[in-house]
Each structure stands twice: as C-alpha cells, then as structure tokens.
C-alpha cells in the first residue's frame, strides 16, 4: 500500500511564500522518477481542486488559479514531491493533499493565508 506524507503547511501572511513536501514512504519498490503525482487543495464545502501535476514523463501542468505562482517538482533521490508557493493570497487557504499514481492520497497539510 502506498503511503504518502505531506508536510510544510502553516500560517503565512498574504504575499508570502511556502513550500510543501510530500514524501513517498511506502512501498520502496515504486520507481519514483516515473511515478505520476499531483497536488490538490480541499476547501470545506468545495470540490477538491487539482493545482499542479507531474506525469511519469515529467510533463507538468498547472491550474489557471496558480500558474505563475506555484511550482511543482520532484526529487527522485529523496522520493519527495514539492510544491513551492509564492504570492499567496487568502484564497489559497485550504488543506493541501498530494496524490500518487491513480488513487493514493496523503493525509493533507493545512495552509492558512491570513494577516
């Protein structure tokens, strides 16, 4: 069973930056470099939103709401997915979840943008 663990969330002021991490802890047999992964955001009462994804061939795509502000990346040696977020606004507040493969999810990490 795939185990993904997010970290890096917290409270940040509008205009600030934050970097989230998602570590693949199990199983060890996954070839991380070819493993498709994505970041989502969940806000209460709203549909889970796809923010950024990176395919097994390393093609990257972003939602319009974050393009130019967020950057997704992978470190295969550390088996970790990152989401670097700049120019954060209160609308970016939510629980950020990483997804691996077709249906494996982490537990999420809370990001709150507020002054």
C-alpha atoms as a PDB file:
ATOM      1  CA  UNK A   1       0.000   0.000   0.000  1.00  0.00           C
ATOM      2  CA  UNK A   2       1.292   3.432  -0.959  1.00  0.00           C
ATOM      3  CA  UNK A   3       1.973   5.789   1.932  1.00  0.00           C
ATOM      4  CA  UNK A   4       2.371   9.498   1.211  1.00  0.00           C
ATOM      5  CA  UNK A   5       3.139  12.011   3.950  1.00  0.00           C
ATOM      6  CA  UNK A   6       2.749  15.757   3.438  1.00  0.00           C
ATOM      7  CA  UNK A   7       4.451  18.430   5.499  1.00  0.00           C
ATOM      8  CA  UNK A   8       5.296  22.114   5.381  1.00  0.00           C
ATOM      9  CA  UNK A   9       1.904  23.678   5.888  1.00  0.00           C
ATOM     10  CA  UNK A  10       1.283  26.537   8.270  1.00  0.00           C
ATOM     11  CA  UNK A  11       0.208  30.129   8.666  1.00  0.00           C
ATOM     12  CA  UNK A  12       1.610  32.673   6.222  1.00  0.00           C
ATOM     13  CA  UNK A  13       0.796  36.309   5.525  1.00  0.00           C
ATOM     14  CA  UNK A  14      -0.658  37.402   2.192  1.00  0.00           C
ATOM     15  CA  UNK A  15       2.102  37.835  -0.363  1.00  0.00           C
ATOM     16  CA  UNK A  16       4.273  35.300   1.409  1.00  0.00           C
ATOM     17  CA  UNK A  17       5.744  32.007   0.278  1.00  0.00           C
ATOM     18  CA  UNK A  18       5.619  28.422   1.468  1.00  0.00           C
ATOM     19  CA  UNK A  19       6.996  25.113   0.271  1.00  0.00           C
ATOM     20  CA  UNK A  20       5.110  21.868   0.831  1.00  0.00           C
ATOM     21  CA  UNK A  21       6.637  18.415   0.742  1.00  0.00           C
ATOM     22  CA  UNK A  22       5.128  15.005   0.075  1.00  0.00           C
ATOM     23  CA  UNK A  23       7.329  12.039   0.894  1.00  0.00           C
ATOM     24  CA  UNK A  24       6.699   8.597  -0.555  1.00  0.00           C
ATOM     25  CA  UNK A  25       7.392   6.321   2.397  1.00  0.00           C
ATOM     26  CA  UNK A  26       5.952   3.024   1.189  1.00  0.00           C
ATOM     27  CA  UNK A  27       6.360   0.908  -0.796  1.00  0.00           C
ATOM     28  CA  UNK A  28      10.009   1.192  -1.627  1.00  0.00           C
ATOM     29  CA  UNK A  29       9.598  -0.603  -4.945  1.00  0.00           C
ATOM     30  CA  UNK A  30       7.997   2.327  -6.776  1.00  0.00           C
ATOM     31  CA  UNK A  31      10.264   3.893  -9.388  1.00  0.00           C
ATOM     32  CA  UNK A  32       9.734   7.435  -8.197  1.00  0.00           C
ATOM     33  CA  UNK A  33      11.072   9.115 -11.325  1.00  0.00           C
ATOM     34  CA  UNK A  34       8.256   7.661 -13.407  1.00  0.00           C
ATOM     35  CA  UNK A  35       5.544   7.921 -10.756  1.00  0.00           C
ATOM     36  CA  UNK A  36       2.836  10.438 -11.688  1.00  0.00           C
ATOM     37  CA  UNK A  37       1.974  12.778  -8.838  1.00  0.00           C
ATOM     38  CA  UNK A  38      -0.141  15.824  -8.181  1.00  0.00           C
ATOM     39  CA  UNK A  39      -1.099  18.444  -5.626  1.00  0.00           C
ATOM     40  CA  UNK A  40      -4.722  19.191  -4.759  1.00  0.00           C
ATOM     41  CA  UNK A  41      -6.417  21.701  -2.480  1.00  0.00           C
ATOM     42  CA  UNK A  42      -9.515  20.993  -0.431  1.00  0.00           C
ATOM     43  CA  UNK A  43     -11.645  23.814   0.926  1.00  0.00           C
ATOM     44  CA  UNK A  44     -14.702  22.993   3.089  1.00  0.00           C
ATOM     45  CA  UNK A  45     -17.844  22.986   1.010  1.00  0.00           C
ATOM     46  CA  UNK A  46     -15.954  22.991  -2.267  1.00  0.00           C
ATOM     47  CA  UNK A  47     -14.813  20.339  -4.696  1.00  0.00           C
ATOM     48  CA  UNK A  48     -11.230  19.170  -4.366  1.00  0.00           C
ATOM     49  CA  UNK A  49      -9.183  21.240  -6.811  1.00  0.00           C
ATOM     50  CA  UNK A  50      -6.269  19.972  -8.882  1.00  0.00           C
ATOM     51  CA  UNK A  51      -3.497  22.551  -8.620  1.00  0.00           C
ATOM     52  CA  UNK A  52      -0.492  21.001 -10.323  1.00  0.00           C
ATOM     53  CA  UNK A  53       0.530  17.637 -11.668  1.00  0.00           C
ATOM     54  CA  UNK A  54       3.649  15.989 -12.984  1.00  0.00           C
ATOM     55  CA  UNK A  55       3.309  12.943 -15.212  1.00  0.00           C
ATOM     56  CA  UNK A  56       5.505   9.889 -15.375  1.00  0.00           C
ATOM     57  CA  UNK A  57       7.243  11.505 -18.342  1.00  0.00           C
ATOM     58  CA  UNK A  58       7.802  14.672 -16.266  1.00  0.00           C
ATOM     59  CA  UNK A  59       5.243  16.758 -18.123  1.00  0.00           C
ATOM     60  CA  UNK A  60       3.985  19.489 -15.798  1.00  0.00           C
ATOM     61  CA  UNK A  61       0.701  21.323 -15.820  1.00  0.00           C
ATOM     62  CA  UNK A  62      -0.927  23.890 -13.540  1.00  0.00           C
ATOM     63  CA  UNK A  63      -4.397  25.132 -12.796  1.00  0.00           C
ATOM     64  CA  UNK A  64      -5.048  28.668 -14.019  1.00  0.00           C
ATOM     65  CA  UNK A  65      -5.520  29.797 -10.421  1.00  0.00           C
ATOM     66  CA  UNK A  66      -1.898  29.001  -9.509  1.00  0.00           C
ATOM     67  CA  UNK A  67       0.034  29.167 -12.783  1.00  0.00           C
ATOM     68  CA  UNK A  68       2.940  31.564 -12.434  1.00  0.00           C
ATOM     69  CA  UNK A  69       2.808  31.453  -8.623  1.00  0.00           C
ATOM     70  CA  UNK A  70       3.213  27.753  -7.758  1.00  0.00           C
ATOM     71  CA  UNK A  71       5.962  25.377  -8.843  1.00  0.00           C
ATOM     72  CA  UNK A  72       5.756  21.585  -8.633  1.00  0.00           C
ATOM     73  CA  UNK A  73       8.910  19.499  -8.579  1.00  0.00           C
ATOM     74  CA  UNK A  74      10.222  16.052  -7.656  1.00  0.00           C
ATOM     75  CA  UNK A  75      13.427  14.866  -6.026  1.00  0.00           C
ATOM     76  CA  UNK A  76      13.842  11.241  -7.022  1.00  0.00           C
ATOM     77  CA  UNK A  77      16.745  10.649  -4.641  1.00  0.00           C
ATOM     78  CA  UNK A  78      14.602  11.713  -1.689  1.00  0.00           C
ATOM     79  CA  UNK A  79      11.380  10.275  -3.160  1.00  0.00           C
ATOM     80  CA  UNK A  80       9.737  13.588  -2.385  1.00  0.00           C
ATOM     81  CA  UNK A  81       7.312  15.801  -4.264  1.00  0.00           C
ATOM     82  CA  UNK A  82       7.347  19.547  -3.612  1.00  0.00           C
ATOM     83  CA  UNK A  83       5.031  22.465  -4.157  1.00  0.00           C
ATOM     84  CA  UNK A  84       6.642  25.869  -3.866  1.00  0.00           C
ATOM     85  CA  UNK A  85       4.035  28.594  -3.491  1.00  0.00           C
ATOM     86  CA  UNK A  86       4.648  32.312  -3.991  1.00  0.00           C
ATOM     87  CA  UNK A  87       2.429  35.384  -3.768  1.00  0.00           C
ATOM     88  CA  UNK A  88      -0.049  33.596  -1.559  1.00  0.00           C
ATOM     89  CA  UNK A  89      -3.492  35.076  -1.057  1.00  0.00           C
ATOM     90  CA  UNK A  90      -6.278  34.242   1.413  1.00  0.00           C
ATOM     91  CA  UNK A  91      -7.961  32.312  -1.412  1.00  0.00           C
ATOM     92  CA  UNK A  92      -5.095  29.829  -1.247  1.00  0.00           C
ATOM     93  CA  UNK A  93      -6.168  28.753   2.236  1.00  0.00           C
ATOM     94  CA  UNK A  94      -7.096  25.099   2.482  1.00  0.00           C
ATOM     95  CA  UNK A  95      -5.851  21.576   3.058  1.00  0.00           C
ATOM     96  CA  UNK A  96      -3.224  20.603   0.530  1.00  0.00           C
ATOM     97  CA  UNK A  97      -3.044  16.956  -0.437  1.00  0.00           C
ATOM     98  CA  UNK A  98      -0.686  15.069  -2.658  1.00  0.00           C
ATOM     99  CA  UNK A  99      -1.802  12.254  -4.888  1.00  0.00           C
ATOM    100  CA  UNK A 100       0.344   9.463  -6.195  1.00  0.00           C
ATOM    101  CA  UNK A 101      -0.487   7.244  -9.113  1.00  0.00           C
ATOM    102  CA  UNK A 102      -4.155   6.743  -9.820  1.00  0.00           C
ATOM    103  CA  UNK A 103      -5.638   6.829  -6.349  1.00  0.00           C
ATOM    104  CA  UNK A 104      -3.163   7.113  -3.476  1.00  0.00           C
ATOM    105  CA  UNK A 105      -3.534  10.137  -1.207  1.00  0.00           C
ATOM    106  CA  UNK A 106      -1.658  11.663   1.669  1.00  0.00           C
ATOM    107  CA  UNK A 107      -3.400  12.886   4.797  1.00  0.00           C
ATOM    108  CA  UNK A 108      -3.044  16.563   3.846  1.00  0.00           C
ATOM    109  CA  UNK A 109      -1.394  19.611   5.361  1.00  0.00           C
ATOM    110  CA  UNK A 110      -3.205  22.816   6.298  1.00  0.00           C
ATOM    111  CA  UNK A 111      -2.196  26.102   4.697  1.00  0.00           C
ATOM    112  CA  UNK A 112      -3.701  29.291   6.083  1.00  0.00           C
ATOM    113  CA  UNK A 113      -3.028  32.640   4.438  1.00  0.00           C
ATOM    114  CA  UNK A 114      -4.006  35.446   6.735  1.00  0.00           C
ATOM    115  CA  UNK A 115      -2.698  38.644   8.238  1.00  0.00           C
END
